[in-house]
């Protein structure tokens, strides 16, 4: 079994977030009134609410890498899949529920499994712009007409972003 690609690409962002977190805890402590404790309690509460979803998203991302045959990934969403892969990525992203805690690990899993950069960008753009799971609330708050106009106006951006990303990926090289 192979290890995930990319090494430890999270080291620098983790250090930056750790320094920011520590700095804010210190500021909260210096302000007095127990603000640092209240902030840490909010952080723990948020962690406990999001952790199950995050673990499931990582499991999905890992299982995609090991269960979906490389040949299938290459054929449908790999670098040679072209527009077909980008359309699949756009639709899959639009159908993916949840926030970035779900979509980003899935996108990373797709890339590690062999998906092209264009397909992955289309996936993330589709997730952000199409967001089928958001439609009922959008219709309820903004109405059918606005939601339809917004969806029609943004639906093409995911494939366009994927095509642009594919071109840029090739231009910028390894």
C-alpha atoms as a PDB file:
ATOM      1  CA  UNK A   1       0.000   0.000   0.000  1.00  0.00           C
ATOM      2  CA  UNK A   2       1.386   3.410  -0.917  1.00  0.00           C
ATOM      3  CA  UNK A   3       1.554   6.449   1.296  1.00  0.00           C
ATOM      4  CA  UNK A   4      -0.412   9.595   0.486  1.00  0.00           C
ATOM      5  CA  UNK A   5       1.409  11.857  -1.966  1.00  0.00           C
ATOM      6  CA  UNK A   6       2.760  15.279  -1.099  1.00  0.00           C
ATOM      7  CA  UNK A   7       4.692  14.691   2.100  1.00  0.00           C
ATOM      8  CA  UNK A   8       3.862  16.931   5.033  1.00  0.00           C
ATOM      9  CA  UNK A   9       2.385  19.898   3.177  1.00  0.00           C
ATOM     10  CA  UNK A  10       0.446  20.888   6.297  1.00  0.00           C
ATOM     11  CA  UNK A  11       3.499  21.742   8.424  1.00  0.00           C
ATOM     12  CA  UNK A  12       3.796  25.453   7.572  1.00  0.00           C
ATOM     13  CA  UNK A  13       0.037  26.191   7.754  1.00  0.00           C
ATOM     14  CA  UNK A  14      -0.098  24.286  11.048  1.00  0.00           C
ATOM     15  CA  UNK A  15       2.762  26.325  12.496  1.00  0.00           C
ATOM     16  CA  UNK A  16       1.108  29.577  11.350  1.00  0.00           C
ATOM     17  CA  UNK A  17      -2.239  28.566  12.903  1.00  0.00           C
ATOM     18  CA  UNK A  18      -0.521  27.427  16.117  1.00  0.00           C
ATOM     19  CA  UNK A  19       1.290  30.758  16.470  1.00  0.00           C
ATOM     20  CA  UNK A  20      -1.964  32.657  15.760  1.00  0.00           C
ATOM     21  CA  UNK A  21      -3.896  30.503  18.255  1.00  0.00           C
ATOM     22  CA  UNK A  22      -1.267  30.898  20.958  1.00  0.00           C
ATOM     23  CA  UNK A  23      -1.077  34.630  20.334  1.00  0.00           C
ATOM     24  CA  UNK A  24      -4.838  35.009  20.657  1.00  0.00           C
ATOM     25  CA  UNK A  25      -4.969  32.904  23.824  1.00  0.00           C
ATOM     26  CA  UNK A  26      -2.247  35.127  25.318  1.00  0.00           C
ATOM     27  CA  UNK A  27      -4.154  38.277  24.310  1.00  0.00           C
ATOM     28  CA  UNK A  28      -7.330  36.821  25.868  1.00  0.00           C
ATOM     29  CA  UNK A  29      -5.421  36.008  29.067  1.00  0.00           C
ATOM     30  CA  UNK A  30      -3.874  39.495  29.260  1.00  0.00           C
ATOM     31  CA  UNK A  31      -7.273  41.161  28.787  1.00  0.00           C
ATOM     32  CA  UNK A  32      -8.462  39.422  31.932  1.00  0.00           C
ATOM     33  CA  UNK A  33     -11.964  38.274  32.694  1.00  0.00           C
ATOM     34  CA  UNK A  34     -11.319  34.688  31.652  1.00  0.00           C
ATOM     35  CA  UNK A  35     -11.759  35.377  27.947  1.00  0.00           C
ATOM     36  CA  UNK A  36      -9.037  32.879  27.120  1.00  0.00           C
ATOM     37  CA  UNK A  37     -10.942  30.131  28.983  1.00  0.00           C
ATOM     38  CA  UNK A  38     -14.218  31.059  27.260  1.00  0.00           C
ATOM     39  CA  UNK A  39     -12.494  31.008  23.860  1.00  0.00           C
ATOM     40  CA  UNK A  40     -10.935  27.615  24.563  1.00  0.00           C
ATOM     41  CA  UNK A  41     -14.340  26.255  25.627  1.00  0.00           C
ATOM     42  CA  UNK A  42     -15.865  27.468  22.340  1.00  0.00           C
ATOM     43  CA  UNK A  43     -12.997  25.822  20.477  1.00  0.00           C
ATOM     44  CA  UNK A  44     -13.539  22.505  22.272  1.00  0.00           C
ATOM     45  CA  UNK A  45     -17.287  22.641  21.622  1.00  0.00           C
ATOM     46  CA  UNK A  46     -16.717  23.322  17.922  1.00  0.00           C
ATOM     47  CA  UNK A  47     -14.150  20.519  17.729  1.00  0.00           C
ATOM     48  CA  UNK A  48     -16.567  18.037  19.299  1.00  0.00           C
ATOM     49  CA  UNK A  49     -19.327  19.001  16.840  1.00  0.00           C
ATOM     50  CA  UNK A  50     -17.133  18.875  13.722  1.00  0.00           C
ATOM     51  CA  UNK A  51     -14.785  15.996  14.579  1.00  0.00           C
ATOM     52  CA  UNK A  52     -17.161  13.155  13.586  1.00  0.00           C
ATOM     53  CA  UNK A  53     -17.788  14.780  10.193  1.00  0.00           C
ATOM     54  CA  UNK A  54     -14.088  15.412   9.698  1.00  0.00           C
ATOM     55  CA  UNK A  55     -13.151  11.815  10.519  1.00  0.00           C
ATOM     56  CA  UNK A  56     -15.807  10.522   8.096  1.00  0.00           C
ATOM     57  CA  UNK A  57     -14.564  12.869   5.352  1.00  0.00           C
ATOM     58  CA  UNK A  58     -11.001  11.613   5.827  1.00  0.00           C
ATOM     59  CA  UNK A  59     -12.239   8.016   5.681  1.00  0.00           C
ATOM     60  CA  UNK A  60     -14.079   8.744   2.411  1.00  0.00           C
ATOM     61  CA  UNK A  61     -10.965  10.425   0.986  1.00  0.00           C
ATOM     62  CA  UNK A  62      -8.751   7.505   2.003  1.00  0.00           C
ATOM     63  CA  UNK A  63     -11.151   4.860   0.765  1.00  0.00           C
ATOM     64  CA  UNK A  64     -11.473   6.563  -2.636  1.00  0.00           C
ATOM     65  CA  UNK A  65      -7.694   6.272  -2.957  1.00  0.00           C
ATOM     66  CA  UNK A  66      -7.558   2.562  -2.171  1.00  0.00           C
ATOM     67  CA  UNK A  67     -10.867   1.216  -3.528  1.00  0.00           C
ATOM     68  CA  UNK A  68     -11.262   2.990  -6.852  1.00  0.00           C
ATOM     69  CA  UNK A  69      -8.933   1.399  -9.418  1.00  0.00           C
ATOM     70  CA  UNK A  70      -6.284   3.753 -10.817  1.00  0.00           C
ATOM     71  CA  UNK A  71      -7.343   2.894 -14.366  1.00  0.00           C
ATOM     72  CA  UNK A  72     -10.909   3.955 -13.643  1.00  0.00           C
ATOM     73  CA  UNK A  73      -9.739   7.224 -12.070  1.00  0.00           C
ATOM     74  CA  UNK A  74      -7.481   7.915 -15.063  1.00  0.00           C
ATOM     75  CA  UNK A  75     -10.252   7.145 -17.546  1.00  0.00           C
ATOM     76  CA  UNK A  76     -13.005   9.182 -15.914  1.00  0.00           C
ATOM     77  CA  UNK A  77     -11.271  12.041 -14.072  1.00  0.00           C
ATOM     78  CA  UNK A  78      -7.545  11.737 -14.753  1.00  0.00           C
ATOM     79  CA  UNK A  79      -5.376  14.132 -16.772  1.00  0.00           C
ATOM     80  CA  UNK A  80      -6.386  12.483 -20.066  1.00  0.00           C
ATOM     81  CA  UNK A  81     -10.139  12.565 -19.345  1.00  0.00           C
ATOM     82  CA  UNK A  82     -10.417  16.119 -20.694  1.00  0.00           C
ATOM     83  CA  UNK A  83     -13.776  17.873 -20.628  1.00  0.00           C
ATOM     84  CA  UNK A  84     -15.555  14.668 -19.545  1.00  0.00           C
ATOM     85  CA  UNK A  85     -13.546  14.563 -16.307  1.00  0.00           C
ATOM     86  CA  UNK A  86     -14.074  18.252 -15.680  1.00  0.00           C
ATOM     87  CA  UNK A  87     -17.854  17.906 -16.124  1.00  0.00           C
ATOM     88  CA  UNK A  88     -17.865  14.890 -13.780  1.00  0.00           C
ATOM     89  CA  UNK A  89     -15.843  16.876 -11.231  1.00  0.00           C
ATOM     90  CA  UNK A  90     -18.212  19.850 -11.518  1.00  0.00           C
ATOM     91  CA  UNK A  91     -21.298  17.684 -10.964  1.00  0.00           C
ATOM     92  CA  UNK A  92     -19.707  15.675  -8.148  1.00  0.00           C
ATOM     93  CA  UNK A  93     -18.708  18.890  -6.407  1.00  0.00           C
ATOM     94  CA  UNK A  94     -22.198  20.336  -6.797  1.00  0.00           C
ATOM     95  CA  UNK A  95     -23.671  17.191  -5.236  1.00  0.00           C
ATOM     96  CA  UNK A  96     -21.188  17.001  -2.339  1.00  0.00           C
ATOM     97  CA  UNK A  97     -22.832  18.013   0.948  1.00  0.00           C
ATOM     98  CA  UNK A  98     -21.177  19.770   3.837  1.00  0.00           C
ATOM     99  CA  UNK A  99     -18.573  22.423   4.276  1.00  0.00           C
ATOM    100  CA  UNK A 100     -14.864  22.559   3.548  1.00  0.00           C
ATOM    101  CA  UNK A 101     -14.257  19.890   6.187  1.00  0.00           C
ATOM    102  CA  UNK A 102     -15.895  17.471   3.739  1.00  0.00           C
ATOM    103  CA  UNK A 103     -15.005  18.838   0.308  1.00  0.00           C
ATOM    104  CA  UNK A 104     -11.311  19.539   0.852  1.00  0.00           C
ATOM    105  CA  UNK A 105     -10.393  16.049   2.130  1.00  0.00           C
ATOM    106  CA  UNK A 106     -12.436  14.506  -0.697  1.00  0.00           C
ATOM    107  CA  UNK A 107     -10.650  16.748  -3.227  1.00  0.00           C
ATOM    108  CA  UNK A 108      -7.284  15.756  -1.743  1.00  0.00           C
ATOM    109  CA  UNK A 109      -8.290  12.100  -1.950  1.00  0.00           C
ATOM    110  CA  UNK A 110      -9.291  12.502  -5.596  1.00  0.00           C
ATOM    111  CA  UNK A 111      -5.986  14.154  -6.468  1.00  0.00           C
ATOM    112  CA  UNK A 112      -4.009  11.502  -4.612  1.00  0.00           C
ATOM    113  CA  UNK A 113      -5.958   8.836  -6.498  1.00  0.00           C
ATOM    114  CA  UNK A 114      -4.998  10.397  -9.840  1.00  0.00           C
ATOM    115  CA  UNK A 115      -7.646  13.006 -10.634  1.00  0.00           C
ATOM    116  CA  UNK A 116      -6.399  15.887 -12.764  1.00  0.00           C
ATOM    117  CA  UNK A 117      -5.903  19.385 -11.408  1.00  0.00           C
ATOM    118  CA  UNK A 118      -8.692  20.608 -13.699  1.00  0.00           C
ATOM    119  CA  UNK A 119     -11.133  18.005 -12.418  1.00  0.00           C
ATOM    120  CA  UNK A 120     -10.243  18.817  -8.819  1.00  0.00           C
ATOM    121  CA  UNK A 121     -10.663  22.572  -9.379  1.00  0.00           C
ATOM    122  CA  UNK A 122     -13.995  21.884 -11.103  1.00  0.00           C
ATOM    123  CA  UNK A 123     -15.019  19.716  -8.132  1.00  0.00           C
ATOM    124  CA  UNK A 124     -14.234  22.466  -5.613  1.00  0.00           C
ATOM    125  CA  UNK A 125     -15.804  25.184  -7.775  1.00  0.00           C
ATOM    126  CA  UNK A 126     -18.927  23.074  -8.287  1.00  0.00           C
ATOM    127  CA  UNK A 127     -19.099  22.464  -4.547  1.00  0.00           C
ATOM    128  CA  UNK A 128     -18.861  26.203  -3.846  1.00  0.00           C
ATOM    129  CA  UNK A 129     -21.146  27.496  -6.605  1.00  0.00           C
ATOM    130  CA  UNK A 130     -23.653  24.795  -7.518  1.00  0.00           C
ATOM    131  CA  UNK A 131     -24.224  23.362  -4.024  1.00  0.00           C
ATOM    132  CA  UNK A 132     -27.364  21.315  -4.650  1.00  0.00           C
ATOM    133  CA  UNK A 133     -27.750  20.677  -0.901  1.00  0.00           C
ATOM    134  CA  UNK A 134     -28.151  24.429  -0.396  1.00  0.00           C
ATOM    135  CA  UNK A 135     -30.949  24.833  -2.962  1.00  0.00           C
ATOM    136  CA  UNK A 136     -33.954  24.145  -0.681  1.00  0.00           C
ATOM    137  CA  UNK A 137     -32.882  26.861   1.750  1.00  0.00           C
ATOM    138  CA  UNK A 138     -32.009  29.227  -1.085  1.00  0.00           C
ATOM    139  CA  UNK A 139     -35.428  28.714  -2.707  1.00  0.00           C
ATOM    140  CA  UNK A 140     -37.137  29.181   0.659  1.00  0.00           C
ATOM    141  CA  UNK A 141     -35.335  32.429   1.428  1.00  0.00           C
ATOM    142  CA  UNK A 142     -34.746  33.971  -2.008  1.00  0.00           C
ATOM    143  CA  UNK A 143     -37.442  32.322  -4.134  1.00  0.00           C
ATOM    144  CA  UNK A 144     -37.443  30.036  -7.196  1.00  0.00           C
ATOM    145  CA  UNK A 145     -36.781  32.752  -9.747  1.00  0.00           C
ATOM    146  CA  UNK A 146     -33.674  34.128  -8.036  1.00  0.00           C
ATOM    147  CA  UNK A 147     -32.324  30.651  -7.297  1.00  0.00           C
ATOM    148  CA  UNK A 148     -32.792  29.560 -10.908  1.00  0.00           C
ATOM    149  CA  UNK A 149     -31.090  32.725 -12.202  1.00  0.00           C
ATOM    150  CA  UNK A 150     -28.203  32.281  -9.759  1.00  0.00           C
ATOM    151  CA  UNK A 151     -27.800  28.616 -10.654  1.00  0.00           C
ATOM    152  CA  UNK A 152     -27.885  29.276 -14.417  1.00  0.00           C
ATOM    153  CA  UNK A 153     -25.473  32.197 -14.036  1.00  0.00           C
ATOM    154  CA  UNK A 154     -22.921  30.219 -12.035  1.00  0.00           C
ATOM    155  CA  UNK A 155     -23.250  26.658 -13.379  1.00  0.00           C
ATOM    156  CA  UNK A 156     -20.761  27.214 -16.199  1.00  0.00           C
ATOM    157  CA  UNK A 157     -18.063  28.572 -13.889  1.00  0.00           C
ATOM    158  CA  UNK A 158     -17.080  25.158 -12.519  1.00  0.00           C
ATOM    159  CA  UNK A 159     -16.233  23.649 -15.931  1.00  0.00           C
ATOM    160  CA  UNK A 160     -14.590  26.894 -17.087  1.00  0.00           C
ATOM    161  CA  UNK A 161     -12.485  27.000 -13.907  1.00  0.00           C
ATOM    162  CA  UNK A 162     -11.547  23.350 -14.464  1.00  0.00           C
ATOM    163  CA  UNK A 163     -10.480  23.971 -18.066  1.00  0.00           C
ATOM    164  CA  UNK A 164      -8.481  27.037 -17.039  1.00  0.00           C
ATOM    165  CA  UNK A 165      -6.843  25.126 -14.183  1.00  0.00           C
ATOM    166  CA  UNK A 166      -5.932  22.269 -16.523  1.00  0.00           C
ATOM    167  CA  UNK A 167      -4.247  24.709 -18.898  1.00  0.00           C
ATOM    168  CA  UNK A 168      -2.413  26.519 -16.081  1.00  0.00           C
ATOM    169  CA  UNK A 169      -1.297  23.195 -14.580  1.00  0.00           C
ATOM    170  CA  UNK A 170       0.343  22.250 -17.878  1.00  0.00           C
ATOM    171  CA  UNK A 171       1.904  25.682 -18.373  1.00  0.00           C
ATOM    172  CA  UNK A 172       3.380  25.857 -14.865  1.00  0.00           C
ATOM    173  CA  UNK A 173       4.768  22.324 -15.132  1.00  0.00           C
ATOM    174  CA  UNK A 174       6.027  20.080 -12.338  1.00  0.00           C
END
